[in-house]
Structure formats: C-alpha cells, structure tokens
Amino acid sequence: SFAIRITKDFLLLNYLLVLLMYQRYLIRATLQYSRLWNIIDRLLFLGALKDSSVPTPISILYSFHSIHS
C-alpha cells in the first residue's frame, strides 16, 4: 500500500505540472472565448425576456461558466 500511495502522489504531481504548463494556453483560449460568451450573454438576455422559467442547456452551461469565471 505504501508503493501505491507513492505512485498516486507521483501521478498527482505530474497532473498538476501538466495543468501549470497548459494554464497559459487555457488563458489564451479563454480570452478568445470571452467574445463568444458576450454573444451568448446577449442571446440569453433576449431569451430571458421571453421565457425565464425553462432552463436551456445554454443557460445551464452559462451559469456554470459564470460560477467559474
């Protein structure tokens, strides 16, 4: 079990290193996607004026995005 724990820690460390490496690319992609989110924001605002009771997949995705932004 000791060897398994070392392996788990090692994998976690590798995973974190990969995340750090890709963080720059993720930030760059997020900046590009922010324009798309502005468009979605406007569409959702127009949609919310019509019918706010029904949660659409886009609105669920959007709420998830706004929580994590």
C-alpha atoms as a PDB file:
ATOM      1  CA  SER A   1       0.000   0.000   0.000  1.00  0.00           C
ATOM      2  CA  PHE A   2       2.974   2.294   0.597  1.00  0.00           C
ATOM      3  CA  ALA A   3       4.139   1.888  -3.009  1.00  0.00           C
ATOM      4  CA  ILE A   4       0.603   2.574  -4.253  1.00  0.00           C
ATOM      5  CA  ARG A   5       0.480   5.796  -2.236  1.00  0.00           C
ATOM      6  CA  ILE A   6       3.791   6.972  -3.723  1.00  0.00           C
ATOM      7  CA  THR A   7       2.508   6.207  -7.215  1.00  0.00           C
ATOM      8  CA  LYS A   8      -0.707   8.153  -6.546  1.00  0.00           C
ATOM      9  CA  ASP A   9       1.244  11.161  -5.264  1.00  0.00           C
ATOM     10  CA  PHE A  10       3.577  10.984  -8.248  1.00  0.00           C
ATOM     11  CA  LEU A  11       0.647  10.891 -10.687  1.00  0.00           C
ATOM     12  CA  LEU A  12      -0.991  13.807  -8.914  1.00  0.00           C
ATOM     13  CA  LEU A  13       2.225  15.808  -9.117  1.00  0.00           C
ATOM     14  CA  ASN A  14       2.553  15.075 -12.838  1.00  0.00           C
ATOM     15  CA  TYR A  15      -1.076  16.091 -13.334  1.00  0.00           C
ATOM     16  CA  LEU A  16      -0.501  19.395 -11.544  1.00  0.00           C
ATOM     17  CA  LEU A  17       2.627  20.077 -13.614  1.00  0.00           C
ATOM     18  CA  VAL A  18       0.692  19.438 -16.816  1.00  0.00           C
ATOM     19  CA  LEU A  19      -2.054  21.800 -15.608  1.00  0.00           C
ATOM     20  CA  LEU A  20       0.515  24.511 -14.913  1.00  0.00           C
ATOM     21  CA  MET A  21       2.039  24.026 -18.356  1.00  0.00           C
ATOM     22  CA  TYR A  22      -1.339  24.251 -20.096  1.00  0.00           C
ATOM     23  CA  GLN A  23      -2.564  27.168 -17.983  1.00  0.00           C
ATOM     24  CA  ARG A  24      -1.055  29.709 -20.387  1.00  0.00           C
ATOM     25  CA  TYR A  25      -2.813  28.101 -23.336  1.00  0.00           C
ATOM     26  CA  LEU A  26      -6.053  27.940 -21.352  1.00  0.00           C
ATOM     27  CA  ILE A  27      -5.847  31.650 -20.506  1.00  0.00           C
ATOM     28  CA  ARG A  28      -5.242  32.483 -24.174  1.00  0.00           C
ATOM     29  CA  ALA A  29      -8.205  30.312 -25.222  1.00  0.00           C
ATOM     30  CA  THR A  30     -10.412  31.856 -22.526  1.00  0.00           C
ATOM     31  CA  LEU A  31      -9.669  35.356 -23.825  1.00  0.00           C
ATOM     32  CA  GLN A  32     -10.726  34.239 -27.301  1.00  0.00           C
ATOM     33  CA  TYR A  33     -13.881  32.610 -25.921  1.00  0.00           C
ATOM     34  CA  SER A  34     -14.874  35.697 -23.926  1.00  0.00           C
ATOM     35  CA  ARG A  35     -16.141  37.258 -27.161  1.00  0.00           C
ATOM     36  CA  LEU A  36     -18.301  34.184 -27.725  1.00  0.00           C
ATOM     37  CA  TRP A  37     -19.597  34.425 -24.163  1.00  0.00           C
ATOM     38  CA  ASN A  38     -20.570  38.075 -24.757  1.00  0.00           C
ATOM     39  CA  ILE A  39     -22.696  36.961 -27.710  1.00  0.00           C
ATOM     40  CA  ILE A  40     -24.228  34.142 -25.645  1.00  0.00           C
ATOM     41  CA  ASP A  41     -24.863  36.644 -22.856  1.00  0.00           C
ATOM     42  CA  ARG A  42     -26.893  38.855 -25.207  1.00  0.00           C
ATOM     43  CA  LEU A  43     -28.793  35.882 -26.608  1.00  0.00           C
ATOM     44  CA  LEU A  44     -29.594  34.677 -23.082  1.00  0.00           C
ATOM     45  CA  PHE A  45     -30.761  38.146 -22.059  1.00  0.00           C
ATOM     46  CA  LEU A  46     -33.124  38.234 -25.036  1.00  0.00           C
ATOM     47  CA  GLY A  47     -34.227  34.678 -24.231  1.00  0.00           C
ATOM     48  CA  ALA A  48     -34.772  35.528 -20.560  1.00  0.00           C
ATOM     49  CA  LEU A  49     -37.116  38.349 -21.541  1.00  0.00           C
ATOM     50  CA  LYS A  50     -39.241  35.845 -23.450  1.00  0.00           C
ATOM     51  CA  ASP A  51     -39.188  32.843 -21.112  1.00  0.00           C
ATOM     52  CA  SER A  52     -37.069  32.577 -17.976  1.00  0.00           C
ATOM     53  CA  SER A  53     -38.800  29.537 -16.446  1.00  0.00           C
ATOM     54  CA  VAL A  54     -37.332  26.901 -18.769  1.00  0.00           C
ATOM     55  CA  PRO A  55     -33.607  26.222 -18.234  1.00  0.00           C
ATOM     56  CA  THR A  56     -31.976  25.622 -21.599  1.00  0.00           C
ATOM     57  CA  PRO A  57     -28.675  23.725 -21.974  1.00  0.00           C
ATOM     58  CA  ILE A  58     -27.040  27.033 -22.911  1.00  0.00           C
ATOM     59  CA  SER A  59     -28.270  28.724 -19.726  1.00  0.00           C
ATOM     60  CA  ILE A  60     -27.038  25.808 -17.609  1.00  0.00           C
ATOM     61  CA  LEU A  61     -23.680  25.987 -19.387  1.00  0.00           C
ATOM     62  CA  TYR A  62     -23.641  29.744 -18.934  1.00  0.00           C
ATOM     63  CA  SER A  63     -24.379  29.559 -15.213  1.00  0.00           C
ATOM     64  CA  PHE A  64     -21.578  27.008 -14.875  1.00  0.00           C
ATOM     65  CA  HIS A  65     -19.280  29.379 -16.784  1.00  0.00           C
ATOM     66  CA  SER A  66     -20.188  32.420 -14.685  1.00  0.00           C
ATOM     67  CA  ILE A  67     -19.566  30.488 -11.460  1.00  0.00           C
ATOM     68  CA  HIS A  68     -16.071  29.540 -12.619  1.00  0.00           C
ATOM     69  CA  SER A  69     -15.112  32.874 -14.194  1.00  0.00           C
END
